[in-house]
Amino acid sequence: MDIRELAVPDSYVLDLVPHGDSRGRFTEWYRADVLSGATGFGLTLAQANHSVSARGALRGVHFALVPPGQAKYVYCPAGRVLDVIVDIRVGSPTFGVHDSVVLDSEQPRAVYLAEGLGHAFVSLADNSSVAYLVSTGYSPGREFGVNPMDPELDLPWPTDLEFEFSAKDQAAPTLAEAREQGLLPTMEQCAARYAELRAAAA
């Protein structure tokens, strides 16, 4: 399993190694030691989620208030999705920057994003499954979104898809509007949270 940081700091892609024979295939899709070696604190597992999406279903851009925020470790065991991470941390040198990774069951990868980052994905095939481990449980009063079609973000959505959104995602504010409304985490809050997690892991 190889890990490398993406263009958005504090987010990583992991290239997984599938092992197959006549019986099928086996993949280690999460290794705590590999992740903590890169981040310095790894992932505190609070909840595991699983979604199944039709082709064109677009979920996000989602984030949670910091502290504590919600780190995510994302894997696609079946189908194919385009996973997108956005730096929404006010004061970050890369504020507004995004990066994307195709998560494909045939060439398995996983993505990790730390607390305070925005996350979205679009399904590129019918019945695409996404499994994700998260560091905090669902808390509707602390979870928000940015509109995935915000023209200023200019996220790399495929042009050959007819998108399907939830009503909540469709009505989400732009990044600029979310900033004006005081919804976004700050880099200062996130850095303090990462330092707290590293100290606890030491």
N, C-alpha and C. Protein backbone atom coordinates (compact mmCIF):
# COMPACT_ATOMS: atom_id res chain seq x y z
N MET A 1 0.84 -1.19 0.00
CA MET A 1 0.00 0.00 0.00
C MET A 1 0.88 1.24 0.00
N ASP A 2 0.73 2.07 -1.03
CA ASP A 2 1.49 3.31 -1.13
C ASP A 2 0.57 4.49 -0.82
N ILE A 3 1.11 5.51 -0.15
CA ILE A 3 0.32 6.68 0.21
C ILE A 3 1.05 7.94 -0.22
N ARG A 4 0.31 8.91 -0.75
CA ARG A 4 0.92 10.18 -1.14
C ARG A 4 -0.09 11.30 -0.92
N GLU A 5 0.44 12.48 -0.60
CA GLU A 5 -0.43 13.63 -0.33
C GLU A 5 -0.95 14.20 -1.64
N LEU A 6 -2.18 14.68 -1.61
CA LEU A 6 -2.80 15.30 -2.77
C LEU A 6 -2.49 16.79 -2.81
N ALA A 7 -3.04 17.48 -3.80
CA ALA A 7 -2.81 18.92 -3.94
C ALA A 7 -3.44 19.71 -2.80
N VAL A 8 -4.43 19.13 -2.15
CA VAL A 8 -5.03 19.73 -0.97
C VAL A 8 -4.28 19.18 0.24
N PRO A 9 -3.53 20.00 0.98
CA PRO A 9 -2.79 19.50 2.13
C PRO A 9 -3.71 18.81 3.14
N ASP A 10 -3.18 17.76 3.76
CA ASP A 10 -3.90 16.96 4.76
C ASP A 10 -4.95 16.04 4.12
N SER A 11 -4.80 15.79 2.82
CA SER A 11 -5.58 14.75 2.16
C SER A 11 -4.61 13.86 1.39
N TYR A 12 -4.96 12.57 1.30
CA TYR A 12 -4.04 11.58 0.75
C TYR A 12 -4.78 10.57 -0.12
N VAL A 13 -4.08 10.03 -1.11
CA VAL A 13 -4.58 8.89 -1.87
C VAL A 13 -3.70 7.70 -1.55
N LEU A 14 -4.33 6.55 -1.40
CA LEU A 14 -3.62 5.30 -1.10
C LEU A 14 -3.83 4.34 -2.25
N ASP A 15 -2.75 3.90 -2.87
CA ASP A 15 -2.82 2.89 -3.91
C ASP A 15 -2.77 1.52 -3.24
N LEU A 16 -3.83 0.76 -3.40
CA LEU A 16 -3.97 -0.52 -2.73
C LEU A 16 -3.45 -1.65 -3.61
N VAL A 17 -3.14 -2.77 -2.99
CA VAL A 17 -2.57 -3.91 -3.72
C VAL A 17 -3.53 -5.09 -3.62
N PRO A 18 -4.29 -5.38 -4.69
CA PRO A 18 -5.19 -6.53 -4.64
C PRO A 18 -4.41 -7.83 -4.87
N HIS A 19 -4.83 -8.88 -4.19
CA HIS A 19 -4.23 -10.20 -4.36
C HIS A 19 -5.34 -11.15 -4.84
N GLY A 20 -5.12 -11.77 -6.00
CA GLY A 20 -6.16 -12.62 -6.57
C GLY A 20 -5.68 -14.00 -6.96
N ASP A 21 -6.60 -14.94 -6.97
CA ASP A 21 -6.35 -16.28 -7.48
C ASP A 21 -7.68 -16.82 -8.01
N SER A 22 -7.76 -18.12 -8.23
CA SER A 22 -8.96 -18.70 -8.83
C SER A 22 -10.20 -18.52 -7.95
N ARG A 23 -10.00 -18.25 -6.67
CA ARG A 23 -11.14 -18.06 -5.76
C ARG A 23 -11.72 -16.66 -5.83
N GLY A 24 -10.92 -15.70 -6.30
CA GLY A 24 -11.37 -14.31 -6.32
C GLY A 24 -10.25 -13.37 -5.94
N ARG A 25 -10.55 -12.36 -5.14
CA ARG A 25 -9.58 -11.31 -4.84
C ARG A 25 -9.68 -10.88 -3.39
N PHE A 26 -8.53 -10.49 -2.84
CA PHE A 26 -8.44 -9.98 -1.46
C PHE A 26 -7.68 -8.66 -1.49
N THR A 27 -8.19 -7.66 -0.77
CA THR A 27 -7.53 -6.35 -0.71
C THR A 27 -7.56 -5.81 0.72
N GLU A 28 -6.39 -5.43 1.22
CA GLU A 28 -6.34 -4.66 2.47
C GLU A 28 -6.69 -3.22 2.11
N TRP A 29 -7.89 -2.77 2.50
CA TRP A 29 -8.29 -1.43 2.06
C TRP A 29 -8.06 -0.37 3.12
N TYR A 30 -7.70 -0.78 4.33
CA TYR A 30 -7.35 0.19 5.36
C TYR A 30 -6.26 -0.37 6.24
N ARG A 31 -5.21 0.42 6.45
CA ARG A 31 -4.12 0.05 7.37
C ARG A 31 -3.84 1.25 8.26
N ALA A 32 -4.10 1.09 9.56
CA ALA A 32 -3.90 2.19 10.51
C ALA A 32 -2.45 2.66 10.53
N ASP A 33 -1.50 1.72 10.44
CA ASP A 33 -0.10 2.10 10.53
C ASP A 33 0.35 2.94 9.34
N VAL A 34 -0.14 2.61 8.15
CA VAL A 34 0.22 3.38 6.95
C VAL A 34 -0.33 4.79 7.04
N LEU A 35 -1.59 4.91 7.45
CA LEU A 35 -2.20 6.24 7.54
C LEU A 35 -1.56 7.09 8.63
N SER A 36 -1.37 6.52 9.80
CA SER A 36 -0.78 7.31 10.89
C SER A 36 0.67 7.66 10.60
N GLY A 37 1.36 6.84 9.82
CA GLY A 37 2.73 7.17 9.44
C GLY A 37 2.80 8.43 8.60
N ALA A 38 1.74 8.69 7.82
CA ALA A 38 1.70 9.88 6.97
C ALA A 38 1.14 11.09 7.71
N THR A 39 0.10 10.89 8.52
CA THR A 39 -0.59 12.02 9.14
C THR A 39 -0.07 12.36 10.53
N GLY A 40 0.51 11.38 11.21
CA GLY A 40 0.96 11.60 12.58
C GLY A 40 -0.08 11.28 13.62
N PHE A 41 -1.32 10.97 13.17
CA PHE A 41 -2.35 10.64 14.16
C PHE A 41 -3.38 9.63 13.68
N GLY A 42 -3.43 9.33 12.42
CA GLY A 42 -4.34 8.29 11.94
C GLY A 42 -5.80 8.69 12.05
N LEU A 43 -6.65 7.67 12.20
CA LEU A 43 -8.09 7.88 12.18
C LEU A 43 -8.72 7.25 13.41
N THR A 44 -9.45 8.05 14.17
CA THR A 44 -10.25 7.51 15.27
C THR A 44 -11.60 7.11 14.69
N LEU A 45 -11.90 5.83 14.69
CA LEU A 45 -13.11 5.35 14.03
C LEU A 45 -14.32 5.49 14.94
N ALA A 46 -15.31 6.26 14.48
CA ALA A 46 -16.55 6.44 15.24
C ALA A 46 -17.75 5.83 14.52
N GLN A 47 -17.67 5.76 13.18
CA GLN A 47 -18.82 5.29 12.41
C GLN A 47 -18.33 4.81 11.05
N ALA A 48 -19.03 3.82 10.49
CA ALA A 48 -18.73 3.33 9.14
C ALA A 48 -19.99 3.47 8.29
N ASN A 49 -19.86 4.11 7.13
CA ASN A 49 -21.01 4.37 6.26
C ASN A 49 -20.84 3.65 4.93
N HIS A 50 -21.97 3.36 4.28
CA HIS A 50 -21.95 2.69 2.98
C HIS A 50 -23.08 3.25 2.14
N SER A 51 -22.74 3.76 0.95
CA SER A 51 -23.77 4.25 0.04
C SER A 51 -23.69 3.49 -1.28
N VAL A 52 -24.82 3.38 -1.95
CA VAL A 52 -24.88 2.80 -3.30
C VAL A 52 -25.54 3.84 -4.19
N SER A 53 -24.90 4.16 -5.31
CA SER A 53 -25.37 5.29 -6.13
C SER A 53 -25.52 4.91 -7.59
N ALA A 54 -26.57 5.44 -8.20
CA ALA A 54 -26.77 5.30 -9.64
C ALA A 54 -25.77 6.19 -10.37
N ARG A 55 -25.53 5.88 -11.62
CA ARG A 55 -24.65 6.71 -12.45
C ARG A 55 -25.19 8.14 -12.48
N GLY A 56 -24.32 9.10 -12.19
CA GLY A 56 -24.70 10.51 -12.20
C GLY A 56 -25.10 11.05 -10.84
N ALA A 57 -25.29 10.18 -9.85
CA ALA A 57 -25.61 10.67 -8.50
C ALA A 57 -24.40 11.41 -7.95
N LEU A 58 -24.62 12.64 -7.48
CA LEU A 58 -23.53 13.49 -6.99
C LEU A 58 -23.84 13.84 -5.53
N ARG A 59 -22.89 13.55 -4.66
CA ARG A 59 -23.07 13.78 -3.22
C ARG A 59 -21.99 14.74 -2.72
N GLY A 60 -22.40 15.82 -2.07
CA GLY A 60 -21.44 16.78 -1.55
C GLY A 60 -21.64 18.13 -2.20
N VAL A 61 -20.80 19.09 -1.81
CA VAL A 61 -19.56 19.03 -1.04
C VAL A 61 -19.91 19.13 0.45
N HIS A 62 -19.56 18.12 1.25
CA HIS A 62 -19.95 18.06 2.65
C HIS A 62 -18.76 18.33 3.57
N PHE A 63 -19.06 18.90 4.75
CA PHE A 63 -18.04 19.12 5.77
C PHE A 63 -18.72 19.24 7.12
N ALA A 64 -17.93 19.15 8.18
CA ALA A 64 -18.44 19.29 9.55
C ALA A 64 -17.64 20.36 10.28
N LEU A 65 -18.30 21.01 11.24
CA LEU A 65 -17.66 22.07 12.02
C LEU A 65 -16.48 21.52 12.82
N VAL A 66 -15.45 22.36 12.95
CA VAL A 66 -14.24 22.01 13.71
C VAL A 66 -14.10 22.97 14.89
N PRO A 67 -13.83 22.47 16.11
CA PRO A 67 -13.73 21.05 16.46
C PRO A 67 -15.11 20.42 16.65
N PRO A 68 -15.23 19.08 16.57
CA PRO A 68 -14.13 18.16 16.29
C PRO A 68 -13.91 17.92 14.80
N GLY A 69 -14.88 18.31 13.93
CA GLY A 69 -14.76 18.01 12.52
C GLY A 69 -15.02 16.54 12.26
N GLN A 70 -14.84 16.15 11.01
CA GLN A 70 -15.03 14.74 10.66
C GLN A 70 -14.03 14.36 9.56
N ALA A 71 -13.02 13.55 9.94
CA ALA A 71 -12.10 13.00 8.95
C ALA A 71 -12.80 11.82 8.27
N LYS A 72 -12.42 11.55 7.01
CA LYS A 72 -13.04 10.46 6.25
C LYS A 72 -11.97 9.63 5.55
N TYR A 73 -12.22 8.33 5.51
CA TYR A 73 -11.39 7.40 4.75
C TYR A 73 -12.34 6.68 3.79
N VAL A 74 -12.15 6.89 2.49
CA VAL A 74 -13.16 6.54 1.48
C VAL A 74 -12.62 5.46 0.53
N TYR A 75 -13.47 4.46 0.27
CA TYR A 75 -13.09 3.32 -0.57
C TYR A 75 -14.28 2.91 -1.42
N CYS A 76 -14.02 2.49 -2.65
CA CYS A 76 -15.07 2.07 -3.58
C CYS A 76 -14.91 0.57 -3.87
N PRO A 77 -15.63 -0.30 -3.16
CA PRO A 77 -15.48 -1.74 -3.38
C PRO A 77 -16.16 -2.27 -4.63
N ALA A 78 -17.08 -1.49 -5.20
CA ALA A 78 -17.78 -1.94 -6.41
C ALA A 78 -18.18 -0.72 -7.23
N GLY A 79 -17.94 -0.78 -8.53
CA GLY A 79 -18.29 0.34 -9.39
C GLY A 79 -17.14 1.32 -9.56
N ARG A 80 -17.50 2.59 -9.77
CA ARG A 80 -16.49 3.60 -10.08
C ARG A 80 -17.03 4.98 -9.73
N VAL A 81 -16.25 5.77 -9.00
CA VAL A 81 -16.67 7.13 -8.66
C VAL A 81 -15.50 8.08 -8.84
N LEU A 82 -15.83 9.34 -9.06
CA LEU A 82 -14.83 10.41 -9.04
C LEU A 82 -14.96 11.10 -7.69
N ASP A 83 -13.91 11.00 -6.89
CA ASP A 83 -13.90 11.54 -5.53
C ASP A 83 -13.17 12.88 -5.54
N VAL A 84 -13.76 13.88 -4.90
CA VAL A 84 -13.22 15.24 -4.94
C VAL A 84 -13.05 15.77 -3.52
N ILE A 85 -11.88 16.36 -3.26
CA ILE A 85 -11.58 16.99 -1.98
C ILE A 85 -11.36 18.47 -2.22
N VAL A 86 -11.94 19.31 -1.35
CA VAL A 86 -11.84 20.76 -1.50
C VAL A 86 -11.31 21.37 -0.21
N ASP A 87 -10.35 22.27 -0.33
CA ASP A 87 -9.85 22.99 0.84
C ASP A 87 -10.78 24.16 1.12
N ILE A 88 -11.59 24.01 2.17
CA ILE A 88 -12.56 25.06 2.54
C ILE A 88 -12.14 25.75 3.84
N ARG A 89 -10.89 25.55 4.27
CA ARG A 89 -10.39 26.11 5.53
C ARG A 89 -9.99 27.57 5.33
N VAL A 90 -10.75 28.46 5.91
CA VAL A 90 -10.47 29.89 5.77
C VAL A 90 -9.10 30.20 6.37
N GLY A 91 -8.26 30.85 5.58
CA GLY A 91 -6.91 31.16 6.04
C GLY A 91 -5.88 30.17 5.55
N SER A 92 -6.31 29.08 4.93
CA SER A 92 -5.36 28.12 4.37
C SER A 92 -4.72 28.71 3.11
N PRO A 93 -3.41 28.47 2.91
CA PRO A 93 -2.76 28.94 1.67
C PRO A 93 -3.39 28.35 0.41
N THR A 94 -4.06 27.22 0.56
CA THR A 94 -4.68 26.57 -0.60
C THR A 94 -6.21 26.64 -0.52
N PHE A 95 -6.74 27.65 0.15
CA PHE A 95 -8.20 27.82 0.25
C PHE A 95 -8.83 27.84 -1.15
N GLY A 96 -9.86 27.01 -1.34
CA GLY A 96 -10.54 26.94 -2.63
C GLY A 96 -9.94 25.96 -3.62
N VAL A 97 -8.75 25.42 -3.29
CA VAL A 97 -8.10 24.45 -4.18
C VAL A 97 -8.78 23.08 -4.02
N HIS A 98 -8.85 22.33 -5.11
CA HIS A 98 -9.42 20.99 -5.05
C HIS A 98 -8.48 19.99 -5.71
N ASP A 99 -8.70 18.73 -5.44
CA ASP A 99 -8.02 17.64 -6.13
C ASP A 99 -9.02 16.51 -6.26
N SER A 100 -8.78 15.60 -7.20
CA SER A 100 -9.74 14.52 -7.44
C SER A 100 -9.01 13.22 -7.73
N VAL A 101 -9.68 12.13 -7.41
CA VAL A 101 -9.14 10.79 -7.61
C VAL A 101 -10.27 9.89 -8.09
N VAL A 102 -10.02 9.09 -9.10
CA VAL A 102 -10.99 8.07 -9.50
C VAL A 102 -10.80 6.87 -8.59
N LEU A 103 -11.87 6.50 -7.91
CA LEU A 103 -11.87 5.30 -7.07
C LEU A 103 -12.60 4.22 -7.85
N ASP A 104 -11.89 3.14 -8.13
CA ASP A 104 -12.37 2.11 -9.06
C ASP A 104 -12.15 0.75 -8.44
N SER A 105 -13.16 -0.09 -8.44
CA SER A 105 -13.03 -1.41 -7.83
C SER A 105 -12.02 -2.29 -8.56
N GLU A 106 -11.72 -1.97 -9.82
CA GLU A 106 -10.78 -2.79 -10.59
C GLU A 106 -9.33 -2.37 -10.37
N GLN A 107 -9.12 -1.11 -10.02
CA GLN A 107 -7.78 -0.61 -9.68
C GLN A 107 -7.92 0.09 -8.33
N PRO A 108 -7.98 -0.68 -7.25
CA PRO A 108 -8.42 -0.13 -5.98
C PRO A 108 -7.51 0.93 -5.38
N ARG A 109 -8.16 2.00 -4.95
CA ARG A 109 -7.51 3.10 -4.24
C ARG A 109 -8.42 3.50 -3.10
N ALA A 110 -7.87 4.24 -2.16
CA ALA A 110 -8.65 4.86 -1.09
C ALA A 110 -8.19 6.30 -0.95
N VAL A 111 -9.05 7.11 -0.37
CA VAL A 111 -8.74 8.52 -0.14
C VAL A 111 -8.98 8.83 1.34
N TYR A 112 -8.06 9.59 1.92
CA TYR A 112 -8.24 10.08 3.29
C TYR A 112 -8.25 11.59 3.25
N LEU A 113 -9.19 12.21 3.99
CA LEU A 113 -9.18 13.65 4.14
C LEU A 113 -9.37 13.99 5.61
N ALA A 114 -8.55 14.92 6.09
CA ALA A 114 -8.56 15.30 7.49
C ALA A 114 -9.76 16.19 7.81
N GLU A 115 -9.96 16.41 9.10
CA GLU A 115 -11.02 17.29 9.57
C GLU A 115 -10.90 18.67 8.92
N GLY A 116 -12.04 19.25 8.56
CA GLY A 116 -12.05 20.60 8.01
C GLY A 116 -12.03 20.70 6.51
N LEU A 117 -11.86 19.57 5.82
CA LEU A 117 -11.86 19.59 4.36
C LEU A 117 -13.24 19.22 3.83
N GLY A 118 -13.54 19.70 2.63
CA GLY A 118 -14.81 19.38 1.98
C GLY A 118 -14.68 18.14 1.13
N HIS A 119 -15.76 17.37 1.05
CA HIS A 119 -15.73 16.10 0.32
C HIS A 119 -16.97 15.94 -0.55
N ALA A 120 -16.75 15.43 -1.76
CA ALA A 120 -17.85 15.14 -2.67
C ALA A 120 -17.44 13.99 -3.59
N PHE A 121 -18.44 13.34 -4.16
CA PHE A 121 -18.13 12.36 -5.21
C PHE A 121 -19.33 12.23 -6.15
N VAL A 122 -19.03 11.81 -7.38
CA VAL A 122 -20.07 11.50 -8.34
C VAL A 122 -19.88 10.06 -8.82
N SER A 123 -20.98 9.34 -8.95
CA SER A 123 -20.93 7.96 -9.41
C SER A 123 -20.78 7.92 -10.93
N LEU A 124 -19.80 7.18 -11.40
CA LEU A 124 -19.54 7.06 -12.83
C LEU A 124 -20.15 5.79 -13.43
N ALA A 125 -20.75 4.96 -12.59
CA ALA A 125 -21.38 3.72 -13.04
C ALA A 125 -22.56 3.40 -12.14
N ASP A 126 -23.54 2.70 -12.66
CA ASP A 126 -24.68 2.31 -11.85
C ASP A 126 -24.24 1.37 -10.72
N ASN A 127 -24.92 1.51 -9.59
CA ASN A 127 -24.68 0.65 -8.43
C ASN A 127 -23.25 0.75 -7.88
N SER A 128 -22.68 1.95 -7.96
CA SER A 128 -21.36 2.15 -7.37
C SER A 128 -21.49 2.21 -5.85
N SER A 129 -20.68 1.40 -5.18
CA SER A 129 -20.68 1.36 -3.72
C SER A 129 -19.52 2.19 -3.19
N VAL A 130 -19.79 2.99 -2.18
CA VAL A 130 -18.74 3.73 -1.49
C VAL A 130 -18.85 3.42 0.00
N ALA A 131 -17.76 2.94 0.56
CA ALA A 131 -17.69 2.68 1.99
C ALA A 131 -16.73 3.69 2.60
N TYR A 132 -17.15 4.33 3.69
CA TYR A 132 -16.24 5.29 4.29
C TYR A 132 -16.29 5.23 5.81
N LEU A 133 -15.08 5.29 6.36
CA LEU A 133 -14.88 5.33 7.79
C LEU A 133 -14.78 6.79 8.21
N VAL A 134 -15.42 7.15 9.31
CA VAL A 134 -15.41 8.55 9.73
C VAL A 134 -15.03 8.66 11.21
N SER A 135 -14.43 9.79 11.55
CA SER A 135 -13.86 9.97 12.90
C SER A 135 -14.88 10.44 13.93
N THR A 136 -16.03 10.94 13.48
CA THR A 136 -17.10 11.33 14.39
C THR A 136 -18.43 10.86 13.82
N GLY A 137 -19.40 10.62 14.69
CA GLY A 137 -20.71 10.17 14.24
C GLY A 137 -21.52 11.28 13.62
N TYR A 138 -22.62 10.88 13.00
CA TYR A 138 -23.52 11.84 12.35
C TYR A 138 -24.08 12.83 13.36
N SER A 139 -23.97 14.12 13.03
CA SER A 139 -24.45 15.19 13.91
C SER A 139 -25.03 16.28 13.02
N PRO A 140 -26.33 16.21 12.71
CA PRO A 140 -26.91 17.10 11.70
C PRO A 140 -26.73 18.58 11.99
N GLY A 141 -26.67 18.96 13.25
CA GLY A 141 -26.50 20.37 13.57
C GLY A 141 -25.10 20.90 13.32
N ARG A 142 -24.15 20.00 13.05
CA ARG A 142 -22.76 20.41 12.85
C ARG A 142 -22.26 20.10 11.44
N GLU A 143 -23.16 19.62 10.58
CA GLU A 143 -22.75 19.21 9.23
C GLU A 143 -23.39 20.13 8.19
N PHE A 144 -22.56 20.59 7.26
CA PHE A 144 -23.00 21.57 6.27
C PHE A 144 -22.47 21.19 4.89
N GLY A 145 -22.82 22.01 3.90
CA GLY A 145 -22.37 21.74 2.55
C GLY A 145 -22.10 23.01 1.77
N VAL A 146 -21.34 22.84 0.71
CA VAL A 146 -21.10 23.88 -0.28
C VAL A 146 -21.64 23.35 -1.61
N ASN A 147 -22.22 24.21 -2.39
CA ASN A 147 -22.82 23.78 -3.65
C ASN A 147 -21.77 23.17 -4.58
N PRO A 148 -21.96 21.93 -5.01
CA PRO A 148 -20.96 21.29 -5.85
C PRO A 148 -20.84 21.89 -7.25
N MET A 149 -21.83 22.69 -7.65
CA MET A 149 -21.78 23.33 -8.96
C MET A 149 -21.35 24.79 -8.88
N ASP A 150 -20.82 25.21 -7.75
CA ASP A 150 -20.31 26.57 -7.58
C ASP A 150 -19.32 26.88 -8.71
N PRO A 151 -19.62 27.86 -9.57
CA PRO A 151 -18.73 28.11 -10.71
C PRO A 151 -17.33 28.57 -10.31
N GLU A 152 -17.21 29.21 -9.15
CA GLU A 152 -15.88 29.65 -8.72
C GLU A 152 -15.01 28.47 -8.28
N LEU A 153 -15.63 27.43 -7.73
CA LEU A 153 -14.86 26.23 -7.39
C LEU A 153 -14.43 25.50 -8.65
N ASP A 154 -15.33 25.46 -9.66
CA ASP A 154 -15.03 24.83 -10.94
C ASP A 154 -14.52 23.40 -10.75
N LEU A 155 -15.31 22.60 -10.05
CA LEU A 155 -14.91 21.22 -9.79
C LEU A 155 -14.97 20.39 -11.07
N PRO A 156 -14.13 19.35 -11.17
CA PRO A 156 -13.93 18.65 -12.44
C PRO A 156 -14.99 17.58 -12.73
N TRP A 157 -16.26 17.98 -12.68
CA TRP A 157 -17.30 17.00 -12.94
C TRP A 157 -17.34 16.62 -14.42
N PRO A 158 -17.56 15.36 -14.74
CA PRO A 158 -17.63 14.94 -16.15
C PRO A 158 -18.76 15.65 -16.89
N THR A 159 -18.54 15.91 -18.15
CA THR A 159 -19.54 16.63 -18.94
C THR A 159 -20.55 15.70 -19.60
N ASP A 160 -20.33 14.39 -19.51
CA ASP A 160 -21.22 13.44 -20.19
C ASP A 160 -22.24 12.80 -19.25
N LEU A 161 -22.44 13.39 -18.08
CA LEU A 161 -23.36 12.83 -17.10
C LEU A 161 -24.55 13.75 -16.87
N GLU A 162 -25.70 13.16 -16.58
CA GLU A 162 -26.86 13.91 -16.11
C GLU A 162 -26.88 13.75 -14.60
N PHE A 163 -26.62 14.83 -13.88
CA PHE A 163 -26.42 14.75 -12.44
C PHE A 163 -27.74 14.66 -11.69
N GLU A 164 -27.70 13.96 -10.57
CA GLU A 164 -28.82 13.89 -9.65
C GLU A 164 -28.32 14.28 -8.27
N PHE A 165 -28.98 15.28 -7.66
CA PHE A 165 -28.56 15.81 -6.37
C PHE A 165 -29.66 15.61 -5.34
N SER A 166 -29.29 15.65 -4.06
CA SER A 166 -30.30 15.79 -3.03
C SER A 166 -30.77 17.24 -3.02
N ALA A 167 -31.96 17.47 -2.48
CA ALA A 167 -32.46 18.85 -2.38
C ALA A 167 -31.52 19.70 -1.53
N LYS A 168 -30.96 19.09 -0.48
CA LYS A 168 -30.06 19.83 0.42
C LYS A 168 -28.79 20.26 -0.31
N ASP A 169 -28.19 19.37 -1.10
CA ASP A 169 -26.97 19.72 -1.82
C ASP A 169 -27.25 20.77 -2.89
N GLN A 170 -28.39 20.65 -3.55
CA GLN A 170 -28.74 21.60 -4.61
C GLN A 170 -28.94 23.00 -4.05
N ALA A 171 -29.44 23.08 -2.80
CA ALA A 171 -29.72 24.38 -2.19
C ALA A 171 -28.53 24.93 -1.39
N ALA A 172 -27.43 24.20 -1.35
CA ALA A 172 -26.28 24.61 -0.54
C ALA A 172 -25.68 25.92 -1.07
N PRO A 173 -25.10 26.72 -0.20
CA PRO A 173 -24.50 27.99 -0.63
C PRO A 173 -23.20 27.77 -1.41
N THR A 174 -22.81 28.78 -2.14
CA THR A 174 -21.49 28.75 -2.77
C THR A 174 -20.43 28.87 -1.69
N LEU A 175 -19.18 28.64 -2.07
CA LEU A 175 -18.09 28.77 -1.10
C LEU A 175 -18.04 30.18 -0.54
N ALA A 176 -18.19 31.18 -1.40
CA ALA A 176 -18.15 32.58 -0.94
C ALA A 176 -19.30 32.87 0.01
N GLU A 177 -20.48 32.36 -0.29
CA GLU A 177 -21.64 32.57 0.58
C GLU A 177 -21.45 31.87 1.93
N ALA A 178 -20.92 30.64 1.89
CA ALA A 178 -20.67 29.91 3.14
C ALA A 178 -19.65 30.65 4.00
N ARG A 179 -18.66 31.25 3.36
CA ARG A 179 -17.66 32.03 4.11
C ARG A 179 -18.30 33.26 4.73
N GLU A 180 -19.13 33.96 3.96
CA GLU A 180 -19.80 35.16 4.47
C GLU A 180 -20.73 34.81 5.64
N GLN A 181 -21.33 33.64 5.60
CA GLN A 181 -22.26 33.20 6.66
C GLN A 181 -21.53 32.64 7.88
N GLY A 182 -20.20 32.55 7.82
CA GLY A 182 -19.43 32.05 8.94
C GLY A 182 -19.55 30.55 9.15
N LEU A 183 -19.87 29.81 8.10
CA LEU A 183 -20.07 28.36 8.22
C LEU A 183 -18.77 27.57 8.11
N LEU A 184 -17.76 28.15 7.49
CA LEU A 184 -16.56 27.38 7.17
C LEU A 184 -15.60 27.29 8.35
N PRO A 185 -14.90 26.16 8.46
CA PRO A 185 -13.85 26.07 9.47
C PRO A 185 -12.67 26.96 9.09
N THR A 186 -11.89 27.35 10.08
CA THR A 186 -10.69 28.13 9.80
C THR A 186 -9.46 27.23 9.85
N MET A 187 -8.40 27.67 9.20
CA MET A 187 -7.15 26.92 9.24
C MET A 187 -6.62 26.87 10.65
N GLU A 188 -6.83 27.93 11.42
CA GLU A 188 -6.38 27.97 12.81
C GLU A 188 -7.09 26.88 13.64
N GLN A 189 -8.39 26.76 13.47
CA GLN A 189 -9.14 25.71 14.18
C GLN A 189 -8.65 24.32 13.78
N CYS A 190 -8.43 24.13 12.50
CA CYS A 190 -8.02 22.82 12.00
C CYS A 190 -6.60 22.47 12.47
N ALA A 191 -5.69 23.43 12.40
CA ALA A 191 -4.32 23.18 12.85
C ALA A 191 -4.30 22.81 14.33
N ALA A 192 -5.13 23.49 15.13
CA ALA A 192 -5.21 23.17 16.56
C ALA A 192 -5.76 21.77 16.76
N ARG A 193 -6.74 21.39 15.95
CA ARG A 193 -7.31 20.04 16.07
C ARG A 193 -6.28 18.99 15.67
N TYR A 194 -5.52 19.21 14.60
CA TYR A 194 -4.50 18.24 14.18
C TYR A 194 -3.43 18.10 15.26
N ALA A 195 -3.04 19.23 15.86
CA ALA A 195 -2.01 19.20 16.91
C ALA A 195 -2.52 18.41 18.12
N GLU A 196 -3.78 18.59 18.45
CA GLU A 196 -4.39 17.85 19.56
C GLU A 196 -4.39 16.35 19.27
N LEU A 197 -4.71 15.97 18.06
CA LEU A 197 -4.75 14.55 17.69
C LEU A 197 -3.34 13.94 17.69
N ARG A 198 -2.35 14.72 17.20
CA ARG A 198 -0.97 14.22 17.22
C ARG A 198 -0.47 14.03 18.64
N ALA A 199 -0.82 14.96 19.53
CA ALA A 199 -0.40 14.86 20.92
C ALA A 199 -1.03 13.64 21.58
N ALA A 200 -2.29 13.37 21.27
CA ALA A 200 -2.98 12.23 21.84
C ALA A 200 -2.41 10.92 21.33
N ALA A 201 -1.89 10.92 20.09
CA ALA A 201 -1.33 9.71 19.49
C ALA A 201 0.10 9.44 19.93
N ALA A 202 0.77 10.48 20.46
CA ALA A 202 2.19 10.35 20.82
C ALA A 202 2.38 9.43 22.03
